Amino acid sequence: MGSAYTKRHTEESTRDAIALVDSSGRTVTAVAREPGVSFRIARYRRDEDFTDDRWDVTHLGERTLAEVFHITHPDHLGDTYRVTEEQAAKLAPLTGLTFDLEAYEYYLEPTAD
């Protein structure tokens, strides 16, 4: 789990997101801008595959999330990203979350509601 870019989401959420993009003929970013797509920080206990908790961070907005995660191409907001120490430091004051990076791994996950 050492890479900054890791896909960690359920098969169901992947199918839903792909179906939404495929059926509409639009980009991931265009779909993500619509109501019904949200962004969450998911927490996983190290070396476990199931989420321990999730927090909605949609309110931060696409631009802020792109800046925090160094996302230069808007279509990449449809991907899942591991939260690094630098990103956790930026997200903590914006979200009020406390990140324990020694015990947990955190991911930014887009979700189609």
Foldseek 3Di string as FASTA:
>chain_A
DPDQFDAQDDPVQVVVQVCVCVVVVDASLVVCVDPQKWKKKFKDFPPDRDTPDIDTPRVCDQVNVCVLSVPDDSSCLQGKGKQDPSSQVVVCVVPVDDDDVVGIIIMIHMGGD
